[in-house]
Amino acid sequence: MTTADMIRELCDRMNISLAELCRRIGQTPQNFNKKLKRGTVSFDEMMEIAETLGVGYEQAFIFSDGGKIKISNK
């Protein structure tokens, strides 16, 4: 699943449009759609989306023994 797919599914589950998400995070839909197409949504932007919508988000390295090194907002 790509970052764009994740964000679109999040919007579907939160029952908001992508344009509404853009408004809430202070970006234009045109600019944000370009980022989605290029796959250049930053970690900080993902954290902002999660915080704005009240959900958790994490990025992690996962070892074979189950250990993790992660950055998380919750």
C-alpha atoms as a PDB file:
ATOM      1  CA  MET A   1       0.000   0.000   0.000  1.00  0.00           C
ATOM      2  CA  THR A   2       1.410   3.373  -0.972  1.00  0.00           C
ATOM      3  CA  THR A   3       1.328   6.508   1.158  1.00  0.00           C
ATOM      4  CA  ALA A   4      -1.308   7.915  -1.187  1.00  0.00           C
ATOM      5  CA  ASP A   5      -3.442   4.784  -0.719  1.00  0.00           C
ATOM      6  CA  MET A   6      -3.093   5.047   3.064  1.00  0.00           C
ATOM      7  CA  ILE A   7      -4.175   8.697   3.076  1.00  0.00           C
ATOM      8  CA  ARG A   8      -7.139   8.027   0.788  1.00  0.00           C
ATOM      9  CA  GLU A   9      -8.282   5.110   2.961  1.00  0.00           C
ATOM     10  CA  LEU A  10      -7.887   7.262   6.068  1.00  0.00           C
ATOM     11  CA  CYS A  11     -10.089   9.937   4.506  1.00  0.00           C
ATOM     12  CA  ASP A  12     -12.682   7.290   3.596  1.00  0.00           C
ATOM     13  CA  ARG A  13     -12.721   5.898   7.132  1.00  0.00           C
ATOM     14  CA  MET A  14     -12.902   9.379   8.661  1.00  0.00           C
ATOM     15  CA  ASN A  15     -15.679  10.275   6.194  1.00  0.00           C
ATOM     16  CA  ILE A  16     -13.931  13.377   4.849  1.00  0.00           C
ATOM     17  CA  SER A  17     -12.799  14.306   1.367  1.00  0.00           C
ATOM     18  CA  LEU A  18      -9.173  14.690   0.431  1.00  0.00           C
ATOM     19  CA  ALA A  19      -9.905  18.373  -0.202  1.00  0.00           C
ATOM     20  CA  GLU A  20     -11.214  18.709   3.367  1.00  0.00           C
ATOM     21  CA  LEU A  21      -8.071  17.046   4.712  1.00  0.00           C
ATOM     22  CA  CYS A  22      -5.975  19.526   2.730  1.00  0.00           C
ATOM     23  CA  ARG A  23      -7.943  22.438   4.164  1.00  0.00           C
ATOM     24  CA  ARG A  24      -7.434  21.141   7.701  1.00  0.00           C
ATOM     25  CA  ILE A  25      -3.666  20.800   7.285  1.00  0.00           C
ATOM     26  CA  GLY A  26      -3.314  24.128   5.486  1.00  0.00           C
ATOM     27  CA  GLN A  27      -2.363  22.882   2.022  1.00  0.00           C
ATOM     28  CA  THR A  28      -4.029  23.339  -1.347  1.00  0.00           C
ATOM     29  CA  PRO A  29      -5.539  20.214  -2.886  1.00  0.00           C
ATOM     30  CA  GLN A  30      -3.502  20.848  -6.045  1.00  0.00           C
ATOM     31  CA  ASN A  31      -0.191  20.913  -4.180  1.00  0.00           C
ATOM     32  CA  PHE A  32      -1.046  17.950  -1.969  1.00  0.00           C
ATOM     33  CA  ASN A  33      -2.252  15.848  -4.920  1.00  0.00           C
ATOM     34  CA  LYS A  34       1.101  16.452  -6.628  1.00  0.00           C
ATOM     35  CA  LYS A  35       2.860  15.182  -3.497  1.00  0.00           C
ATOM     36  CA  LEU A  36       0.646  12.097  -3.470  1.00  0.00           C
ATOM     37  CA  LYS A  37       1.382  11.371  -7.127  1.00  0.00           C
ATOM     38  CA  ARG A  38       5.140  11.817  -6.609  1.00  0.00           C
ATOM     39  CA  GLY A  39       5.136   9.940  -3.300  1.00  0.00           C
ATOM     40  CA  THR A  40       6.789  12.866  -1.525  1.00  0.00           C
ATOM     41  CA  VAL A  41       4.520  13.334   1.498  1.00  0.00           C
ATOM     42  CA  SER A  42       6.969  13.885   4.360  1.00  0.00           C
ATOM     43  CA  PHE A  43       6.990  12.160   7.732  1.00  0.00           C
ATOM     44  CA  ASP A  44       6.197  15.503   9.359  1.00  0.00           C
ATOM     45  CA  GLU A  45       3.160  15.888   7.083  1.00  0.00           C
ATOM     46  CA  MET A  46       2.003  12.374   7.986  1.00  0.00           C
ATOM     47  CA  MET A  47       2.337  13.253  11.673  1.00  0.00           C
ATOM     48  CA  GLU A  48       0.351  16.459  11.088  1.00  0.00           C
ATOM     49  CA  ILE A  49      -2.402  14.520   9.311  1.00  0.00           C
ATOM     50  CA  ALA A  50      -2.590  12.031  12.192  1.00  0.00           C
ATOM     51  CA  GLU A  51      -2.692  14.768  14.808  1.00  0.00           C
ATOM     52  CA  THR A  52      -5.299  16.752  12.897  1.00  0.00           C
ATOM     53  CA  LEU A  53      -7.578  13.718  12.542  1.00  0.00           C
ATOM     54  CA  GLY A  54      -6.934  12.376  16.033  1.00  0.00           C
ATOM     55  CA  VAL A  55      -5.356   9.081  15.011  1.00  0.00           C
ATOM     56  CA  GLY A  56      -1.977   7.504  15.718  1.00  0.00           C
ATOM     57  CA  TYR A  57       0.834   7.192  13.194  1.00  0.00           C
ATOM     58  CA  GLU A  58       4.171   5.448  13.497  1.00  0.00           C
ATOM     59  CA  GLN A  59       7.181   4.756  11.344  1.00  0.00           C
ATOM     60  CA  ALA A  60       9.440   1.903  12.381  1.00  0.00           C
ATOM     61  CA  PHE A  61      12.293  -0.459  11.642  1.00  0.00           C
ATOM     62  CA  ILE A  62      11.229  -3.962  12.691  1.00  0.00           C
ATOM     63  CA  PHE A  63      13.816  -6.615  13.562  1.00  0.00           C
ATOM     64  CA  SER A  64      13.381 -10.355  13.035  1.00  0.00           C
ATOM     65  CA  ASP A  65      13.136 -10.825  16.822  1.00  0.00           C
ATOM     66  CA  GLY A  66      10.156  -8.432  16.912  1.00  0.00           C
ATOM     67  CA  GLY A  67      12.104  -5.456  18.289  1.00  0.00           C
ATOM     68  CA  LYS A  68      11.281  -2.032  16.897  1.00  0.00           C
ATOM     69  CA  ILE A  69      12.895   1.338  16.508  1.00  0.00           C
ATOM     70  CA  LYS A  70      10.016   3.684  15.918  1.00  0.00           C
ATOM     71  CA  ILE A  71       8.882   7.267  15.765  1.00  0.00           C
ATOM     72  CA  SER A  72       5.286   7.721  16.830  1.00  0.00           C
ATOM     73  CA  ASN A  73       2.798  10.448  17.640  1.00  0.00           C
ATOM     74  CA  LYS A  74       0.863   8.297  20.141  1.00  0.00           C
END
